[in-house]
Amino acid sequence: MRRSAIGLDIGGEHVTAALVDIETLQIYNDTIYSHFIDSQANDPRLVIKSWIDCIHDLLNDYIASYDQSSIKYDIVGIGIGLPVPLDYKNGISLIKNLYKYESFYGINLTMAIKHALKEL
């Protein structure tokens, strides 16, 4: 089994998830999933749900094709790229006046994402 992580690239209009080999940092092209997101939504739960839905699609397809796949992945974590101001130590969003993710200001994104992942 190849040790892998789910990489989540969150942009202003899309979210992309893929499996990434931890040792080589190779992205497995057949595991790339993208979703449109509304980063200006007033309810951050809807935006976070779209992030989780992208991960869910990746995992569902991986599980569905697991028996037929010649490569097996040991998924050991998730890495998230979100190019906005954050208090990284505490996971708190500091997003203001960027015209995206404004509704996230002051929210503990670490806790919100962990909570949403439990729904998977």
N, C-alpha and C. Protein backbone atom coordinates (compact mmCIF):
# COMPACT_ATOMS: atom_id res chain seq x y z
N MET A 1 0.84 -1.19 0.00
CA MET A 1 0.00 0.00 0.00
C MET A 1 0.87 1.24 0.00
N ARG A 2 0.44 2.22 -0.74
CA ARG A 2 1.16 3.49 -0.80
C ARG A 2 0.57 4.46 0.22
N ARG A 3 1.44 5.01 1.07
CA ARG A 3 0.98 6.00 2.05
C ARG A 3 0.63 7.28 1.32
N SER A 4 -0.61 7.69 1.50
CA SER A 4 -1.13 8.85 0.78
C SER A 4 -1.90 9.75 1.72
N ALA A 5 -2.10 10.97 1.25
CA ALA A 5 -2.96 11.92 1.95
C ALA A 5 -3.92 12.52 0.94
N ILE A 6 -5.01 13.01 1.44
CA ILE A 6 -5.93 13.75 0.59
C ILE A 6 -5.44 15.20 0.59
N GLY A 7 -5.17 15.72 -0.59
CA GLY A 7 -4.81 17.13 -0.73
C GLY A 7 -6.05 17.90 -1.14
N LEU A 8 -6.32 18.98 -0.45
CA LEU A 8 -7.50 19.79 -0.74
C LEU A 8 -7.03 21.21 -1.06
N ASP A 9 -7.23 21.63 -2.30
CA ASP A 9 -6.86 22.97 -2.76
C ASP A 9 -8.13 23.80 -2.83
N ILE A 10 -8.22 24.80 -1.97
CA ILE A 10 -9.42 25.62 -1.89
C ILE A 10 -9.12 26.98 -2.48
N GLY A 11 -9.83 27.31 -3.54
CA GLY A 11 -9.66 28.60 -4.19
C GLY A 11 -10.88 29.48 -3.98
N GLY A 12 -10.94 30.57 -4.70
CA GLY A 12 -12.06 31.49 -4.58
C GLY A 12 -13.32 31.01 -5.27
N GLU A 13 -13.17 30.15 -6.28
CA GLU A 13 -14.34 29.67 -7.03
C GLU A 13 -14.41 28.16 -7.15
N HIS A 14 -13.41 27.46 -6.65
CA HIS A 14 -13.42 26.01 -6.78
C HIS A 14 -12.72 25.37 -5.59
N VAL A 15 -12.98 24.09 -5.43
CA VAL A 15 -12.23 23.26 -4.49
C VAL A 15 -11.83 22.02 -5.28
N THR A 16 -10.59 21.59 -5.11
CA THR A 16 -10.09 20.40 -5.79
C THR A 16 -9.50 19.46 -4.76
N ALA A 17 -9.86 18.19 -4.85
CA ALA A 17 -9.32 17.16 -3.96
C ALA A 17 -8.62 16.12 -4.81
N ALA A 18 -7.55 15.55 -4.26
CA ALA A 18 -6.82 14.48 -4.94
C ALA A 18 -6.02 13.70 -3.91
N LEU A 19 -5.67 12.47 -4.27
CA LEU A 19 -4.76 11.70 -3.44
C LEU A 19 -3.33 12.05 -3.83
N VAL A 20 -2.48 12.21 -2.82
CA VAL A 20 -1.09 12.59 -3.01
C VAL A 20 -0.21 11.57 -2.30
N ASP A 21 0.79 11.03 -3.01
CA ASP A 21 1.75 10.11 -2.41
C ASP A 21 2.61 10.91 -1.43
N ILE A 22 2.67 10.47 -0.19
CA ILE A 22 3.38 11.22 0.84
C ILE A 22 4.88 11.25 0.60
N GLU A 23 5.44 10.17 0.09
CA GLU A 23 6.89 10.12 -0.09
C GLU A 23 7.36 10.86 -1.35
N THR A 24 6.65 10.68 -2.45
CA THR A 24 7.09 11.29 -3.72
C THR A 24 6.40 12.62 -4.01
N LEU A 25 5.33 12.93 -3.27
CA LEU A 25 4.49 14.11 -3.48
C LEU A 25 3.79 14.10 -4.83
N GLN A 26 3.72 12.93 -5.44
CA GLN A 26 3.02 12.77 -6.71
C GLN A 26 1.52 12.83 -6.49
N ILE A 27 0.85 13.59 -7.35
CA ILE A 27 -0.61 13.63 -7.34
C ILE A 27 -1.09 12.53 -8.27
N TYR A 28 -1.98 11.70 -7.80
CA TYR A 28 -2.54 10.64 -8.63
C TYR A 28 -3.66 11.24 -9.49
N ASN A 29 -3.36 11.42 -10.78
CA ASN A 29 -4.27 12.13 -11.68
C ASN A 29 -5.66 11.53 -11.76
N ASP A 30 -5.77 10.22 -11.56
CA ASP A 30 -7.09 9.59 -11.66
C ASP A 30 -7.92 9.80 -10.40
N THR A 31 -7.39 10.56 -9.44
CA THR A 31 -8.14 10.83 -8.20
C THR A 31 -8.47 12.30 -8.03
N ILE A 32 -8.39 13.09 -9.09
CA ILE A 32 -8.63 14.53 -8.99
C ILE A 32 -10.13 14.82 -9.17
N TYR A 33 -10.68 15.55 -8.21
CA TYR A 33 -12.09 15.93 -8.23
C TYR A 33 -12.20 17.41 -7.93
N SER A 34 -13.00 18.14 -8.72
CA SER A 34 -13.19 19.57 -8.50
C SER A 34 -14.67 19.90 -8.41
N HIS A 35 -14.98 20.88 -7.58
CA HIS A 35 -16.34 21.38 -7.42
C HIS A 35 -16.31 22.90 -7.46
N PHE A 36 -17.33 23.49 -8.03
CA PHE A 36 -17.52 24.93 -7.95
C PHE A 36 -17.97 25.27 -6.53
N ILE A 37 -17.52 26.40 -6.01
CA ILE A 37 -17.99 26.87 -4.70
C ILE A 37 -18.36 28.34 -4.78
N ASP A 38 -19.27 28.73 -3.91
CA ASP A 38 -19.65 30.14 -3.79
C ASP A 38 -18.97 30.69 -2.55
N SER A 39 -17.79 31.26 -2.73
CA SER A 39 -17.01 31.74 -1.59
C SER A 39 -17.60 33.00 -0.96
N GLN A 40 -18.66 33.55 -1.58
CA GLN A 40 -19.31 34.73 -1.03
C GLN A 40 -20.61 34.38 -0.32
N ALA A 41 -20.87 33.09 -0.13
CA ALA A 41 -22.09 32.66 0.55
C ALA A 41 -22.13 33.21 1.97
N ASN A 42 -23.33 33.53 2.43
CA ASN A 42 -23.50 34.07 3.78
C ASN A 42 -23.40 33.02 4.87
N ASP A 43 -23.61 31.76 4.52
CA ASP A 43 -23.57 30.68 5.51
C ASP A 43 -22.31 29.85 5.28
N PRO A 44 -21.31 29.97 6.16
CA PRO A 44 -20.07 29.22 5.96
C PRO A 44 -20.27 27.71 5.97
N ARG A 45 -21.35 27.24 6.60
CA ARG A 45 -21.60 25.79 6.61
C ARG A 45 -21.84 25.26 5.21
N LEU A 46 -22.48 26.06 4.36
CA LEU A 46 -22.71 25.63 2.98
C LEU A 46 -21.41 25.52 2.20
N VAL A 47 -20.49 26.44 2.45
CA VAL A 47 -19.20 26.41 1.77
C VAL A 47 -18.39 25.22 2.25
N ILE A 48 -18.32 25.03 3.56
CA ILE A 48 -17.58 23.88 4.11
C ILE A 48 -18.18 22.58 3.60
N LYS A 49 -19.50 22.53 3.48
CA LYS A 49 -20.15 21.32 2.94
C LYS A 49 -19.66 21.04 1.53
N SER A 50 -19.47 22.07 0.71
CA SER A 50 -18.98 21.85 -0.65
C SER A 50 -17.56 21.31 -0.63
N TRP A 51 -16.74 21.74 0.33
CA TRP A 51 -15.39 21.19 0.47
C TRP A 51 -15.46 19.70 0.81
N ILE A 52 -16.32 19.38 1.77
CA ILE A 52 -16.45 17.99 2.23
C ILE A 52 -17.06 17.13 1.13
N ASP A 53 -18.00 17.67 0.37
CA ASP A 53 -18.59 16.92 -0.75
C ASP A 53 -17.52 16.51 -1.76
N CYS A 54 -16.56 17.36 -1.99
CA CYS A 54 -15.48 17.05 -2.93
C CYS A 54 -14.65 15.87 -2.40
N ILE A 55 -14.32 15.90 -1.11
CA ILE A 55 -13.60 14.78 -0.49
C ILE A 55 -14.45 13.52 -0.56
N HIS A 56 -15.73 13.67 -0.29
CA HIS A 56 -16.66 12.54 -0.32
C HIS A 56 -16.68 11.88 -1.70
N ASP A 57 -16.73 12.67 -2.76
CA ASP A 57 -16.72 12.13 -4.12
C ASP A 57 -15.44 11.35 -4.38
N LEU A 58 -14.32 11.90 -3.97
CA LEU A 58 -13.04 11.22 -4.15
C LEU A 58 -13.06 9.86 -3.43
N LEU A 59 -13.47 9.87 -2.17
CA LEU A 59 -13.48 8.63 -1.38
C LEU A 59 -14.48 7.61 -1.91
N ASN A 60 -15.66 8.08 -2.31
CA ASN A 60 -16.66 7.15 -2.85
C ASN A 60 -16.15 6.44 -4.09
N ASP A 61 -15.55 7.19 -5.01
CA ASP A 61 -15.02 6.56 -6.23
C ASP A 61 -13.85 5.64 -5.92
N TYR A 62 -13.01 6.04 -4.97
CA TYR A 62 -11.89 5.19 -4.58
C TYR A 62 -12.39 3.87 -4.01
N ILE A 63 -13.37 3.93 -3.12
CA ILE A 63 -13.92 2.72 -2.52
C ILE A 63 -14.60 1.85 -3.57
N ALA A 64 -15.35 2.48 -4.48
CA ALA A 64 -16.06 1.73 -5.52
C ALA A 64 -15.11 0.98 -6.45
N SER A 65 -13.93 1.54 -6.68
CA SER A 65 -12.98 0.90 -7.60
C SER A 65 -11.86 0.15 -6.88
N TYR A 66 -11.94 0.04 -5.57
CA TYR A 66 -10.85 -0.53 -4.77
C TYR A 66 -10.48 -1.94 -5.21
N ASP A 67 -11.45 -2.81 -5.38
CA ASP A 67 -11.16 -4.21 -5.73
C ASP A 67 -10.51 -4.35 -7.10
N GLN A 68 -10.86 -3.49 -8.04
CA GLN A 68 -10.31 -3.57 -9.39
C GLN A 68 -8.97 -2.84 -9.53
N SER A 69 -8.64 -2.00 -8.57
CA SER A 69 -7.44 -1.17 -8.68
C SER A 69 -6.18 -1.96 -8.39
N SER A 70 -5.15 -1.73 -9.20
CA SER A 70 -3.87 -2.40 -8.97
C SER A 70 -3.05 -1.65 -7.91
N ILE A 71 -3.39 -0.40 -7.66
CA ILE A 71 -2.69 0.39 -6.65
C ILE A 71 -3.62 0.63 -5.47
N LYS A 72 -3.14 0.31 -4.29
CA LYS A 72 -3.91 0.53 -3.07
C LYS A 72 -3.25 1.67 -2.28
N TYR A 73 -4.07 2.53 -1.72
CA TYR A 73 -3.57 3.68 -0.98
C TYR A 73 -3.93 3.54 0.50
N ASP A 74 -2.98 3.83 1.36
CA ASP A 74 -3.21 3.93 2.79
C ASP A 74 -3.36 5.42 3.09
N ILE A 75 -4.59 5.88 3.20
CA ILE A 75 -4.85 7.31 3.38
C ILE A 75 -4.67 7.65 4.86
N VAL A 76 -3.66 8.47 5.14
CA VAL A 76 -3.28 8.73 6.53
C VAL A 76 -3.61 10.15 7.01
N GLY A 77 -4.12 11.00 6.14
CA GLY A 77 -4.43 12.35 6.58
C GLY A 77 -4.95 13.22 5.46
N ILE A 78 -5.17 14.47 5.82
CA ILE A 78 -5.66 15.47 4.87
C ILE A 78 -4.80 16.72 5.01
N GLY A 79 -4.37 17.27 3.89
CA GLY A 79 -3.67 18.56 3.87
C GLY A 79 -4.54 19.56 3.14
N ILE A 80 -4.65 20.75 3.67
CA ILE A 80 -5.54 21.76 3.10
C ILE A 80 -4.76 23.02 2.78
N GLY A 81 -4.93 23.50 1.55
CA GLY A 81 -4.36 24.78 1.14
C GLY A 81 -5.48 25.78 0.97
N LEU A 82 -5.42 26.85 1.73
CA LEU A 82 -6.43 27.90 1.69
C LEU A 82 -5.70 29.24 1.74
N PRO A 83 -5.53 29.90 0.59
CA PRO A 83 -4.70 31.11 0.53
C PRO A 83 -5.40 32.37 1.02
N VAL A 84 -5.71 32.39 2.30
CA VAL A 84 -6.35 33.55 2.92
C VAL A 84 -5.73 33.76 4.30
N PRO A 85 -5.93 34.92 4.90
CA PRO A 85 -5.37 35.17 6.23
C PRO A 85 -6.02 34.27 7.30
N LEU A 86 -5.17 33.56 8.01
CA LEU A 86 -5.62 32.67 9.09
C LEU A 86 -4.68 32.79 10.27
N ASP A 87 -5.23 32.57 11.45
CA ASP A 87 -4.40 32.33 12.63
C ASP A 87 -4.16 30.82 12.60
N TYR A 88 -3.05 30.42 11.98
CA TYR A 88 -2.79 29.00 11.73
C TYR A 88 -2.64 28.21 13.02
N LYS A 89 -2.08 28.81 14.04
CA LYS A 89 -1.88 28.10 15.30
C LYS A 89 -3.21 27.69 15.92
N ASN A 90 -4.19 28.59 15.86
CA ASN A 90 -5.49 28.34 16.49
C ASN A 90 -6.59 27.98 15.51
N GLY A 91 -6.31 28.06 14.21
CA GLY A 91 -7.29 27.69 13.20
C GLY A 91 -8.38 28.71 12.96
N ILE A 92 -8.16 29.94 13.39
CA ILE A 92 -9.19 30.97 13.30
C ILE A 92 -9.06 31.76 11.99
N SER A 93 -10.19 31.93 11.31
CA SER A 93 -10.21 32.71 10.07
C SER A 93 -10.09 34.20 10.37
N LEU A 94 -9.21 34.86 9.64
CA LEU A 94 -9.02 36.31 9.76
C LEU A 94 -9.40 37.01 8.45
N ILE A 95 -10.24 36.38 7.67
CA ILE A 95 -10.60 36.87 6.34
C ILE A 95 -11.52 38.09 6.46
N LYS A 96 -11.06 39.20 5.90
CA LYS A 96 -11.85 40.44 5.86
C LYS A 96 -11.52 41.18 4.58
N ASN A 97 -12.53 41.78 4.00
CA ASN A 97 -12.36 42.68 2.86
C ASN A 97 -11.64 42.04 1.66
N LEU A 98 -11.85 40.76 1.46
CA LEU A 98 -11.26 40.07 0.31
C LEU A 98 -12.32 39.67 -0.71
N TYR A 99 -13.59 39.92 -0.39
CA TYR A 99 -14.71 39.58 -1.26
C TYR A 99 -14.82 38.08 -1.51
N LYS A 100 -14.28 37.31 -0.60
CA LYS A 100 -14.48 35.86 -0.60
C LYS A 100 -14.34 35.39 0.84
N TYR A 101 -15.13 34.44 1.21
CA TYR A 101 -15.09 33.84 2.54
C TYR A 101 -15.28 34.86 3.67
N GLU A 102 -15.94 35.98 3.39
CA GLU A 102 -16.17 37.00 4.43
C GLU A 102 -16.94 36.43 5.62
N SER A 103 -17.86 35.50 5.36
CA SER A 103 -18.68 34.93 6.44
C SER A 103 -17.87 34.03 7.37
N PHE A 104 -16.62 33.76 7.02
CA PHE A 104 -15.77 32.90 7.85
C PHE A 104 -15.05 33.67 8.96
N TYR A 105 -15.10 34.99 8.92
CA TYR A 105 -14.31 35.79 9.87
C TYR A 105 -14.59 35.37 11.31
N GLY A 106 -13.53 35.05 12.04
CA GLY A 106 -13.63 34.67 13.45
C GLY A 106 -13.99 33.22 13.71
N ILE A 107 -14.27 32.46 12.67
CA ILE A 107 -14.66 31.06 12.84
C ILE A 107 -13.41 30.19 12.98
N ASN A 108 -13.49 29.21 13.87
CA ASN A 108 -12.41 28.23 14.01
C ASN A 108 -12.58 27.21 12.89
N LEU A 109 -11.83 27.40 11.81
CA LEU A 109 -11.96 26.52 10.65
C LEU A 109 -11.49 25.10 10.95
N THR A 110 -10.48 24.97 11.79
CA THR A 110 -10.00 23.63 12.15
C THR A 110 -11.14 22.82 12.75
N MET A 111 -11.82 23.39 13.72
CA MET A 111 -12.93 22.68 14.37
C MET A 111 -14.10 22.47 13.42
N ALA A 112 -14.40 23.46 12.60
CA ALA A 112 -15.52 23.34 11.66
C ALA A 112 -15.28 22.22 10.66
N ILE A 113 -14.06 22.13 10.15
CA ILE A 113 -13.74 21.08 9.17
C ILE A 113 -13.72 19.72 9.84
N LYS A 114 -13.14 19.62 11.03
CA LYS A 114 -13.15 18.34 11.76
C LYS A 114 -14.58 17.87 12.00
N HIS A 115 -15.44 18.79 12.41
CA HIS A 115 -16.84 18.44 12.65
C HIS A 115 -17.51 17.96 11.36
N ALA A 116 -17.28 18.67 10.27
CA ALA A 116 -17.89 18.30 8.99
C ALA A 116 -17.37 16.95 8.50
N LEU A 117 -16.10 16.66 8.75
CA LEU A 117 -15.53 15.37 8.31
C LEU A 117 -16.15 14.20 9.05
N LYS A 118 -16.63 14.43 10.26
CA LYS A 118 -17.28 13.35 11.02
C LYS A 118 -18.54 12.86 10.31
N GLU A 119 -19.13 13.74 9.50
CA GLU A 119 -20.34 13.38 8.76
C GLU A 119 -20.06 12.37 7.65
N LEU A 120 -18.78 12.27 7.23
CA LEU A 120 -18.43 11.30 6.18
C LEU A 120 -18.67 9.92 6.71
